[in-house]
Protein backbone atom coordinates (compact mmCIF):
# COMPACT_ATOMS: atom_id res chain seq x y z
CA MET A 1 -22.52 -65.30 57.94
CA GLU A 2 -23.16 -62.82 55.13
CA THR A 3 -25.95 -60.28 55.51
CA VAL A 4 -28.59 -60.05 52.76
CA LEU A 5 -31.15 -57.25 52.59
CA SER A 6 -34.21 -57.00 50.39
CA GLY A 7 -36.87 -54.34 50.18
CA ILE A 8 -40.53 -55.23 49.71
CA ARG A 9 -42.88 -52.89 47.90
CA SER A 10 -45.69 -51.74 50.15
CA THR A 11 -48.27 -51.68 47.37
CA GLY A 12 -49.89 -54.46 45.39
CA ASN A 13 -50.55 -58.11 46.12
CA LEU A 14 -48.19 -60.98 45.40
CA HIS A 15 -48.76 -62.74 42.10
CA LEU A 16 -47.33 -66.06 40.92
CA GLY A 17 -44.44 -64.20 39.26
CA ASN A 18 -43.43 -62.67 42.60
CA TYR A 19 -43.72 -66.00 44.38
CA PHE A 20 -41.71 -68.12 41.95
CA GLY A 21 -39.39 -65.26 40.99
CA ALA A 22 -38.19 -64.11 44.40
CA VAL A 23 -40.31 -64.91 47.45
CA ARG A 24 -39.68 -68.64 47.26
CA ASN A 25 -35.96 -67.87 47.22
CA PHE A 26 -36.31 -65.50 50.18
CA VAL A 27 -37.83 -68.31 52.23
CA LYS A 28 -34.84 -70.50 51.40
CA MET A 29 -32.28 -67.72 51.95
CA GLN A 30 -33.38 -67.00 55.51
CA HIS A 31 -31.86 -70.32 56.59
CA GLU A 32 -28.55 -69.64 54.82
CA TYR A 33 -27.90 -65.92 55.41
CA ASN A 34 -28.50 -63.21 57.98
CA CYS A 35 -31.57 -61.80 56.22
CA TYR A 36 -33.33 -58.47 56.59
CA PHE A 37 -36.63 -57.99 54.76
CA PHE A 38 -38.33 -54.62 55.02
CA ILE A 39 -41.58 -53.15 53.72
CA ALA A 40 -40.61 -49.94 51.93
CA ASP A 41 -43.43 -47.69 53.11
CA ILE A 42 -41.32 -44.50 53.15
CA HIS A 43 -40.49 -44.99 49.47
CA SER A 44 -44.22 -45.27 48.74
CA LEU A 45 -44.82 -41.70 49.94
CA THR A 46 -43.57 -40.44 46.58
CA THR A 47 -46.95 -41.51 45.18
CA HIS A 48 -48.89 -39.64 47.90
CA PRO A 49 -51.03 -42.56 49.18
CA LYS A 50 -54.00 -41.79 51.41
CA PRO A 51 -53.44 -42.64 55.11
CA ASP A 52 -55.95 -45.50 55.19
CA ASN A 53 -54.55 -46.97 51.99
CA LEU A 54 -50.99 -46.75 53.29
CA HIS A 55 -51.80 -48.72 56.44
CA GLU A 56 -53.96 -51.24 54.58
CA ASN A 57 -51.27 -51.90 51.97
CA ILE A 58 -48.61 -52.48 54.62
CA LYS A 59 -50.86 -54.94 56.45
CA LYS A 60 -51.70 -56.87 53.27
CA VAL A 61 -48.11 -57.13 52.08
CA LEU A 62 -46.84 -58.16 55.51
CA SER A 63 -49.52 -60.86 55.75
CA GLU A 64 -48.65 -62.24 52.33
CA TYR A 65 -44.91 -62.54 52.94
CA LEU A 66 -45.48 -64.20 56.31
CA ALA A 67 -47.97 -66.59 54.71
CA CYS A 68 -45.39 -67.54 52.07
CA GLY A 69 -42.96 -68.70 54.74
CA ILE A 70 -40.77 -65.83 55.91
CA ASP A 71 -40.22 -66.66 59.58
CA PRO A 72 -39.92 -63.61 61.87
CA ASP A 73 -38.10 -65.76 64.42
CA ILE A 74 -35.37 -66.55 61.87
CA ALA A 75 -35.17 -63.55 59.55
CA THR A 76 -35.70 -59.90 60.47
CA ILE A 77 -38.84 -58.57 58.79
CA TYR A 78 -39.76 -55.00 59.59
CA ILE A 79 -41.53 -51.88 58.39
CA GLN A 80 -39.15 -49.22 57.08
CA SER A 81 -40.84 -46.34 58.95
CA ASP A 82 -40.51 -48.20 62.26
CA VAL A 83 -36.73 -47.68 62.12
CA PRO A 84 -36.10 -43.91 62.51
CA GLU A 85 -32.37 -44.44 62.08
CA ILE A 86 -32.98 -45.00 58.35
CA PRO A 87 -34.28 -41.48 57.54
CA GLN A 88 -31.56 -40.04 59.81
CA LEU A 89 -28.85 -41.80 57.82
CA TYR A 90 -30.67 -40.80 54.62
CA LEU A 91 -30.35 -37.14 55.67
CA LEU A 92 -26.62 -37.47 56.35
CA LEU A 93 -25.99 -39.25 53.04
CA ASN A 94 -27.94 -36.58 51.13
CA MET A 95 -25.22 -34.06 52.06
CA ASN A 96 -22.76 -35.98 49.88
CA ALA A 97 -25.12 -36.76 46.98
CA TYR A 98 -25.09 -34.34 44.06
CA ILE A 99 -27.98 -33.01 42.00
CA GLY A 100 -26.37 -33.82 38.65
CA GLU A 101 -25.80 -37.50 39.36
CA LEU A 102 -29.28 -37.91 40.82
CA GLU A 103 -30.94 -36.23 37.83
CA ARG A 104 -29.11 -38.63 35.49
CA THR A 105 -30.54 -41.70 37.22
CA THR A 106 -32.56 -43.76 34.73
CA THR A 107 -35.44 -44.42 37.14
CA PHE A 108 -35.75 -40.70 37.91
CA LYS A 109 -35.79 -39.73 34.24
CA GLU A 110 -38.49 -42.33 33.59
CA LYS A 111 -40.62 -40.97 36.42
CA VAL A 112 -40.23 -37.43 35.08
CA ARG A 113 -41.44 -38.61 31.70
CA LYS A 114 -44.35 -40.71 33.01
CA GLN A 115 -45.61 -38.41 35.77
CA PRO A 116 -44.53 -34.82 35.02
CA GLU A 117 -47.21 -33.54 37.41
CA ASN A 118 -45.52 -35.23 40.39
CA VAL A 119 -41.75 -34.82 40.23
CA ASN A 120 -40.94 -34.55 43.93
CA ALA A 121 -37.68 -34.48 45.87
CA GLY A 122 -38.33 -38.00 47.14
CA LEU A 123 -38.13 -39.31 43.58
CA LEU A 124 -34.91 -37.42 42.99
CA THR A 125 -33.24 -38.76 46.14
CA TYR A 126 -34.72 -42.25 45.89
CA PRO A 127 -31.25 -43.81 45.34
CA VAL A 128 -29.98 -42.15 48.53
CA LEU A 129 -32.80 -43.59 50.62
CA MET A 130 -32.20 -46.97 48.98
CA CYS A 131 -28.54 -46.65 49.96
CA ALA A 132 -29.51 -45.86 53.55
CA ASP A 133 -31.79 -48.91 53.60
CA ILE A 134 -28.90 -51.13 52.59
CA ILE A 135 -25.89 -49.79 54.44
CA ILE A 136 -27.76 -49.19 57.72
CA HIS A 137 -27.16 -52.94 58.21
CA ASN A 138 -23.89 -53.05 56.23
CA ALA A 139 -25.49 -55.58 53.91
CA ASP A 140 -23.13 -57.72 51.82
CA LYS A 141 -25.68 -58.66 49.15
CA VAL A 142 -28.92 -57.24 47.78
CA PRO A 143 -31.32 -59.09 45.44
CA VAL A 144 -32.22 -56.59 42.72
CA GLY A 145 -34.05 -56.67 39.42
CA LYS A 146 -32.79 -55.10 36.21
CA ASP A 147 -34.68 -51.86 36.95
CA GLN A 148 -32.82 -51.41 40.25
CA GLU A 149 -29.26 -52.29 39.18
CA GLN A 150 -28.29 -48.65 38.65
CA ASN A 151 -29.67 -47.68 42.07
CA LEU A 152 -27.60 -50.43 43.70
CA GLU A 153 -24.52 -49.16 41.88
CA MET A 154 -25.28 -45.70 43.24
CA ALA A 155 -25.58 -47.16 46.74
CA ARG A 156 -22.09 -48.56 46.27
CA LYS A 157 -20.94 -45.13 45.06
CA PHE A 158 -22.39 -43.33 48.11
CA ALA A 159 -20.92 -45.90 50.52
CA ARG A 160 -17.52 -45.61 48.80
CA ARG A 161 -17.75 -41.80 48.86
CA PHE A 162 -18.48 -41.78 52.59
CA ASN A 163 -15.47 -44.02 53.23
CA HIS A 164 -13.27 -41.76 51.08
CA ILE A 165 -14.42 -38.42 52.54
CA TYR A 166 -13.86 -39.53 56.11
CA GLY A 167 -10.81 -41.69 55.48
CA VAL A 168 -12.36 -44.91 56.78
CA GLU A 169 -13.26 -48.37 55.52
CA TYR A 170 -16.52 -48.43 57.42
CA PHE A 171 -19.24 -49.30 54.94
CA THR A 172 -19.33 -52.56 53.01
CA LEU A 173 -19.86 -52.11 49.27
CA PRO A 174 -23.00 -54.19 48.64
CA GLU A 175 -23.00 -56.69 45.80
CA PRO A 176 -26.04 -57.76 43.76
CA PHE A 177 -27.39 -61.14 44.83
CA ASN A 178 -27.79 -63.42 41.83
CA PHE A 179 -30.33 -66.20 42.20
CA GLY A 180 -28.87 -67.83 39.09
CA SER A 181 -30.87 -70.81 37.87
CA ASP A 182 -33.20 -70.47 40.87
CA LEU A 183 -34.65 -67.23 39.49
CA VAL A 184 -37.82 -68.10 37.61
CA LYS A 185 -39.47 -65.64 35.22
CA VAL A 186 -43.18 -66.37 35.14
CA PRO A 187 -45.04 -65.38 31.94
CA GLY A 188 -48.24 -63.37 31.98
CA LEU A 189 -51.65 -64.43 30.69
CA ASP A 190 -51.57 -61.87 27.86
CA GLY A 191 -49.28 -64.05 25.78
CA ALA A 192 -46.17 -61.88 25.93
CA GLY A 193 -43.77 -60.73 28.59
CA LYS A 194 -43.54 -61.64 32.24
CA MET A 195 -46.30 -61.54 34.80
CA GLY A 196 -46.56 -58.13 36.44
CA LYS A 197 -48.86 -55.81 38.34
CA SER A 198 -48.70 -52.93 35.87
CA GLU A 199 -49.35 -55.24 32.91
CA GLY A 200 -52.60 -56.52 34.41
CA ASN A 201 -51.71 -60.07 33.34
CA GLY A 202 -51.18 -61.70 36.72
CA ILE A 203 -52.78 -64.26 39.00
CA TYR A 204 -52.49 -63.28 42.65
CA LEU A 205 -52.12 -65.56 45.64
CA ILE A 206 -55.11 -63.86 47.25
CA ASP A 207 -57.34 -64.32 44.17
CA ASP A 208 -60.62 -66.14 44.74
CA PRO A 209 -61.02 -69.40 42.71
CA LYS A 210 -63.73 -67.78 40.58
CA VAL A 211 -61.39 -64.93 39.72
CA ILE A 212 -58.59 -67.34 38.84
CA ARG A 213 -60.82 -69.40 36.56
CA LYS A 214 -62.06 -66.29 34.77
CA LYS A 215 -58.54 -64.95 34.25
CA VAL A 216 -57.17 -68.22 32.91
CA MET A 217 -60.09 -68.76 30.54
CA GLN A 218 -59.37 -65.30 29.07
CA ALA A 219 -55.69 -66.11 28.46
CA VAL A 220 -54.46 -65.51 24.91
CA THR A 221 -54.31 -68.55 22.58
CA ASP A 222 -54.34 -69.16 18.82
CA ALA A 223 -56.28 -71.25 16.30
CA GLY A 224 -54.34 -74.39 17.21
CA PRO A 225 -51.51 -76.36 15.58
CA GLU A 226 -51.86 -77.24 11.91
CA LYS A 227 -48.99 -79.72 11.71
CA PRO A 228 -47.94 -82.49 14.14
CA ASN A 229 -45.08 -81.65 16.51
CA SER A 230 -45.22 -77.94 15.68
CA ILE A 231 -43.23 -75.43 17.70
CA LYS A 232 -45.53 -73.77 20.22
CA PRO A 233 -45.97 -70.01 19.70
CA GLU A 234 -45.22 -67.83 22.73
CA PRO A 235 -48.80 -67.52 24.11
CA ILE A 236 -49.23 -71.31 24.07
CA GLN A 237 -45.76 -71.99 25.41
CA ASN A 238 -46.56 -69.61 28.27
CA LEU A 239 -49.60 -71.67 29.27
CA PHE A 240 -47.51 -74.84 29.26
CA TYR A 241 -44.85 -73.08 31.31
CA LEU A 242 -47.46 -72.15 33.92
CA MET A 243 -48.49 -75.79 33.94
CA GLU A 244 -44.91 -76.80 34.67
CA LEU A 245 -45.09 -74.69 37.83
CA VAL A 246 -48.38 -75.97 39.24
CA SER A 247 -49.45 -79.17 37.47
CA GLU A 248 -48.43 -82.82 37.74
CA GLU A 249 -46.08 -84.29 35.14
CA ASN A 250 -48.67 -86.65 33.69
CA THR A 251 -51.06 -83.72 33.16
CA ILE A 252 -48.42 -81.76 31.29
CA ARG A 253 -47.50 -84.81 29.23
CA HIS A 254 -51.16 -85.42 28.37
CA PHE A 255 -51.74 -81.95 26.94
CA ASP A 256 -48.35 -81.91 25.25
CA ASP A 257 -49.28 -85.10 23.42
CA LEU A 258 -52.62 -83.58 22.38
CA TYR A 259 -50.83 -80.53 21.04
CA ASN A 260 -48.30 -82.61 19.12
CA ASN A 261 -50.99 -84.66 17.39
CA CYS A 262 -53.13 -81.57 16.66
CA THR A 263 -56.12 -82.68 18.78
CA ILE A 264 -55.72 -80.22 21.64
CA ARG A 265 -58.68 -78.15 22.80
CA TYR A 266 -57.44 -75.03 24.50
CA GLY A 267 -60.62 -74.73 26.55
CA ASP A 268 -59.84 -78.07 28.22
CA LEU A 269 -56.22 -77.06 28.80
CA LYS A 270 -57.28 -73.77 30.41
CA LYS A 271 -59.83 -75.46 32.66
CA GLN A 272 -57.19 -77.91 33.89
CA LEU A 273 -54.62 -75.15 34.37
CA ALA A 274 -57.11 -73.04 36.31
CA GLU A 275 -57.96 -75.91 38.67
CA ASP A 276 -54.28 -76.64 39.25
CA ILE A 277 -53.59 -72.98 40.03
CA VAL A 278 -56.55 -72.92 42.43
CA LYS A 279 -55.20 -76.02 44.15
CA PHE A 280 -51.77 -74.41 44.44
CA THR A 281 -52.88 -70.98 45.68
CA THR A 282 -55.68 -72.02 48.07
CA PRO A 283 -53.41 -72.86 51.06
CA TYR A 284 -51.62 -69.53 50.64
CA ARG A 285 -54.86 -67.56 50.32
CA GLU A 286 -56.26 -69.18 53.46
CA ARG A 287 -53.06 -68.54 55.38
CA ILE A 288 -52.93 -64.91 54.19
CA LEU A 289 -56.48 -64.29 55.41
CA ASP A 290 -55.79 -65.96 58.76
CA ILE A 291 -52.71 -63.79 59.35
CA TYR A 292 -54.41 -60.63 58.08
CA ASN A 293 -57.20 -61.06 60.62
CA ASP A 294 -54.83 -61.82 63.51
CA ASP A 295 -53.95 -58.33 64.71
CA ALA A 296 -52.23 -59.60 67.84
CA TYR A 297 -49.83 -61.74 65.81
CA LEU A 298 -49.09 -58.91 63.38
CA ARG A 299 -48.38 -56.52 66.25
CA ARG A 300 -45.93 -59.02 67.70
CA VAL A 301 -44.21 -59.50 64.35
CA VAL A 302 -43.74 -55.79 63.61
CA SER A 303 -42.67 -55.02 67.17
CA GLN A 304 -40.13 -57.84 67.15
CA GLY A 305 -38.91 -56.87 63.69
CA ALA A 306 -38.46 -53.21 64.62
CA GLU A 307 -36.52 -54.15 67.75
CA LYS A 308 -34.16 -56.45 65.84
CA ALA A 309 -33.67 -53.98 62.99
CA ARG A 310 -33.02 -51.07 65.33
CA GLN A 311 -30.33 -52.98 67.20
CA SER A 312 -28.31 -53.07 63.99
CA ALA A 313 -29.39 -49.66 62.70
CA SER A 314 -28.74 -47.73 65.92
CA LYS A 315 -25.21 -49.12 66.13
CA THR A 316 -24.50 -48.03 62.56
CA LEU A 317 -25.96 -44.56 63.01
CA ARG A 318 -24.07 -44.00 66.27
CA GLU A 319 -20.77 -44.97 64.66
CA VAL A 320 -21.48 -42.92 61.52
CA ARG A 321 -22.19 -39.84 63.64
CA GLU A 322 -18.92 -40.33 65.49
CA ILE A 323 -17.02 -40.69 62.20
CA ILE A 324 -18.58 -37.48 60.88
CA GLY A 325 -17.68 -35.65 64.08
CA TYR A 326 -20.85 -35.66 66.18
CA ARG A 327 -19.55 -36.67 69.58
CA SER A 328 -20.73 -36.31 73.16
CA PHE A 329 -19.23 -33.57 75.32
């Protein structure tokens, strides 16, 4: 069975774009692949989070992914910092990563431009840590977005370089996992682009119904169609697309007919969409809160996840050390 690994950001709540775009696929994948899901809390240190915030963010993110259906008894879900073999492998890989190639990384150059006051070594060597995350389990496939494709290619480069330097075929060269038609891009409420945390245009699974209703009612619209059967402009098409994700077919058909005969009232459409989103997210929000408040369950999950992850990671690190030349007397 192929091994798939995916990192989970340790900051920010899950929005509908995350759920339909990746998390729903993760839940399905765990039954088809040997899956490792980890919360990337070491990566988050590049932003210098406060200790209380760091712990709180990890707890929230872990609760949300469990609530969405990742099963710790099927997949391996763990916290990155609970596996000390990862930073050890990261250190070893850094010895064969070169300043020039790291400085040319697109994500690093973007960070330098956006946050010139905080250009730290962790940002520079981010691709090396990402490589360690992946090859510590000799992952075959890694789901990545467009912004991470170059970092995955660098992980392949570092794995290939290790194999070449030491004359072995030890590390698998990870391939990008393509969800294909299963990958859904959810639009934001601002009328353009996809739903995202930084854009401030998202609806989160943890959002209270009042918050959801307020957000949806503020969604961008236009003056309405002037001719029957007009093509919907992007902001309106986005609202209908959200409906396709959460509403019943007859509801979508009803508002589509109103739009086509120029009698649609966007206020009514938004109210219906908001109620359908509330209906969809409520079970997740309730489950998230239940898990978040169950410290005993969370302790069991992270302990079990760390144990499973370290079984794989410790084997890899031991064999890598032997390949490099670190052997017992």
